[in-house]
N, C-alpha and C. Protein backbone atom coordinates (compact mmCIF):
# COMPACT_ATOMS: atom_id res chain seq x y z
N MET A 1 1.62 -1.46 -1.30
CA MET A 1 1.13 0.15 0.06
C MET A 1 1.54 -0.92 0.85
N LEU A 2 0.05 -1.90 1.63
CA LEU A 2 0.35 -2.85 2.61
C LEU A 2 1.23 -3.17 3.30
N TRP A 3 2.21 -4.14 1.92
CA TRP A 3 3.62 -4.39 2.92
C TRP A 3 4.66 -3.02 3.04
N THR A 4 4.26 -2.21 2.58
CA THR A 4 5.07 -1.30 3.17
C THR A 4 4.71 -0.92 4.22
N ILE A 5 3.25 -0.33 4.70
CA ILE A 5 2.59 0.19 6.24
C ILE A 5 3.32 -1.12 6.90
N VAL A 6 3.15 -2.46 6.70
CA VAL A 6 3.42 -3.35 7.72
C VAL A 6 4.79 -3.07 7.87
N ALA A 7 5.50 -2.89 7.12
CA ALA A 7 7.28 -3.08 7.29
C ALA A 7 7.22 -1.87 8.33
N VAL A 8 6.83 -0.82 7.94
CA VAL A 8 7.43 0.26 9.02
C VAL A 8 6.59 0.08 10.45
N LEU A 9 5.50 -0.03 10.03
CA LEU A 9 5.32 -0.62 11.75
C LEU A 9 5.86 -1.61 12.18
N VAL A 10 6.34 -2.64 12.03
CA VAL A 10 7.04 -3.47 12.52
C VAL A 10 8.35 -3.24 12.95
N ILE A 11 8.61 -2.63 12.15
CA ILE A 11 10.37 -1.68 12.45
C ILE A 11 10.10 -0.51 13.49
N LEU A 12 8.95 -0.10 13.24
CA LEU A 12 8.50 1.19 14.92
C LEU A 12 8.47 0.34 16.37
N TRP A 13 7.88 -0.52 15.82
CA TRP A 13 7.15 -1.57 17.09
C TRP A 13 8.86 -1.95 17.93
N LEU A 14 9.36 -2.72 16.78
CA LEU A 14 10.28 -3.54 17.73
C LEU A 14 11.62 -2.29 17.98
N LEU A 15 11.32 -1.00 17.34
CA LEU A 15 12.55 0.12 17.87
C LEU A 15 11.59 0.57 19.54
N GLY A 16 10.22 0.72 19.49
CA GLY A 16 9.75 0.86 20.62
C GLY A 16 9.99 0.17 21.59
N LEU A 17 10.27 -1.63 21.12
CA LEU A 17 9.97 -2.45 22.22
C LEU A 17 12.13 -2.42 23.08
N VAL A 18 12.87 -1.70 21.87
CA VAL A 18 14.41 -2.10 21.97
C VAL A 18 14.74 -0.46 22.67
N THR A 19 13.85 0.45 22.87
CA THR A 19 14.14 1.82 23.32
C THR A 19 13.28 2.31 24.53
N SER A 20 12.23 0.61 24.79
CA SER A 20 11.13 1.30 25.82
C SER A 20 10.94 2.44 25.21
N TYR A 21 10.06 3.45 24.45
CA TYR A 21 9.83 4.81 23.77
C TYR A 21 8.96 3.90 23.14
N THR A 22 6.91 4.28 23.88
CA THR A 22 6.63 4.14 21.82
C THR A 22 5.50 5.55 22.16
N MET A 23 4.81 5.65 21.48
CA MET A 23 4.51 6.92 21.15
C MET A 23 2.75 6.56 21.44
N GLY A 24 2.26 6.57 22.96
CA GLY A 24 1.29 5.63 23.24
C GLY A 24 0.49 4.81 23.15
N GLY A 25 1.80 3.98 22.98
CA GLY A 25 0.81 2.40 22.58
C GLY A 25 0.55 2.26 21.07
N LEU A 26 0.14 3.85 20.39
CA LEU A 26 -0.25 3.96 19.12
C LEU A 26 0.16 2.66 17.94
N ILE A 27 1.82 2.67 18.28
CA ILE A 27 2.39 1.65 17.37
C ILE A 27 1.69 0.50 17.27
N HIS A 28 1.49 -0.11 18.95
CA HIS A 28 0.98 -1.50 19.03
C HIS A 28 -0.32 -1.72 18.25
N VAL A 29 -0.91 -0.66 18.32
CA VAL A 29 -2.69 -0.89 18.10
C VAL A 29 -2.59 -0.75 16.10
N LEU A 30 -1.77 0.06 16.01
CA LEU A 30 -1.50 0.07 14.51
C LEU A 30 -1.06 -0.93 14.08
N LEU A 31 -0.20 -1.94 14.86
CA LEU A 31 0.60 -2.91 14.43
C LEU A 31 -0.92 -4.17 14.10
N VAL A 32 -0.89 -4.10 15.25
CA VAL A 32 -2.20 -5.13 15.35
C VAL A 32 -3.67 -4.96 14.57
N ILE A 33 -3.71 -3.74 13.77
CA ILE A 33 -5.11 -3.70 12.67
C ILE A 33 -4.00 -4.01 11.13
N ALA A 34 -2.98 -3.70 10.92
CA ALA A 34 -2.39 -4.04 9.89
C ALA A 34 -2.18 -5.60 9.88
N ILE A 35 -2.39 -6.33 11.27
CA ILE A 35 -2.13 -7.92 11.33
C ILE A 35 -3.17 -8.46 10.60
N VAL A 36 -3.84 -7.49 11.05
CA VAL A 36 -6.14 -8.08 11.36
C VAL A 36 -6.11 -7.90 9.58
N VAL A 37 -6.07 -6.83 8.99
CA VAL A 37 -5.88 -6.75 7.62
C VAL A 37 -5.05 -7.75 6.60
N VAL A 38 -4.39 -8.00 7.22
CA VAL A 38 -3.78 -9.15 6.42
C VAL A 38 -4.05 -10.45 6.35
N LEU A 39 -4.79 -11.09 7.59
CA LEU A 39 -5.53 -11.50 8.16
C LEU A 39 -6.83 -11.98 6.91
N ILE A 40 -7.85 -11.05 7.28
CA ILE A 40 -8.58 -10.77 6.85
C ILE A 40 -8.65 -11.06 5.24
N ARG A 41 -7.65 -10.37 4.36
CA ARG A 41 -7.24 -10.82 3.15
C ARG A 41 -7.01 -12.23 2.71
N VAL A 42 -6.32 -13.01 4.00
CA VAL A 42 -5.95 -14.16 3.46
C VAL A 42 -6.97 -14.99 3.79
N ILE A 43 -7.90 -15.01 4.22
CA ILE A 43 -9.26 -15.71 4.85
C ILE A 43 -10.35 -15.07 3.34
N GLN A 44 -9.88 -13.98 2.92
CA GLN A 44 -11.11 -13.89 1.46
C GLN A 44 -10.43 -14.65 1.27
N GLY A 45 -9.53 -15.16 0.58
CA GLY A 45 -8.48 -15.53 -0.68
C GLY A 45 -7.82 -14.65 -1.59
N ARG A 46 -7.64 -13.79 -1.08
CA ARG A 46 -6.78 -12.69 -2.08
C ARG A 46 -5.29 -13.05 -1.73
N LYS A 47 -4.57 -11.85 -2.66
CA LYS A 47 -2.92 -11.79 -1.91
C LYS A 47 -2.70 -11.07 -1.09
N PRO A 48 -2.17 -11.95 0.00
CA PRO A 48 -2.04 -11.02 0.94
C PRO A 48 -1.02 -9.48 1.45
N LEU A 49 -0.51 -8.80 0.67
CA LEU A 49 0.48 -7.89 0.42
C LEU A 49 0.67 -8.10 -0.55
């Protein structure tokens, strides 16, 4: 589930960079949150994705 969310956010983020269209920075905020969640899981010693 987390892997799917991260993949979708990365694709939307890259699409936003290419087309200069972002949803008010929402995609960037969600991407940062997803990366933080993955890092926390790695630090805790769990499987990240």
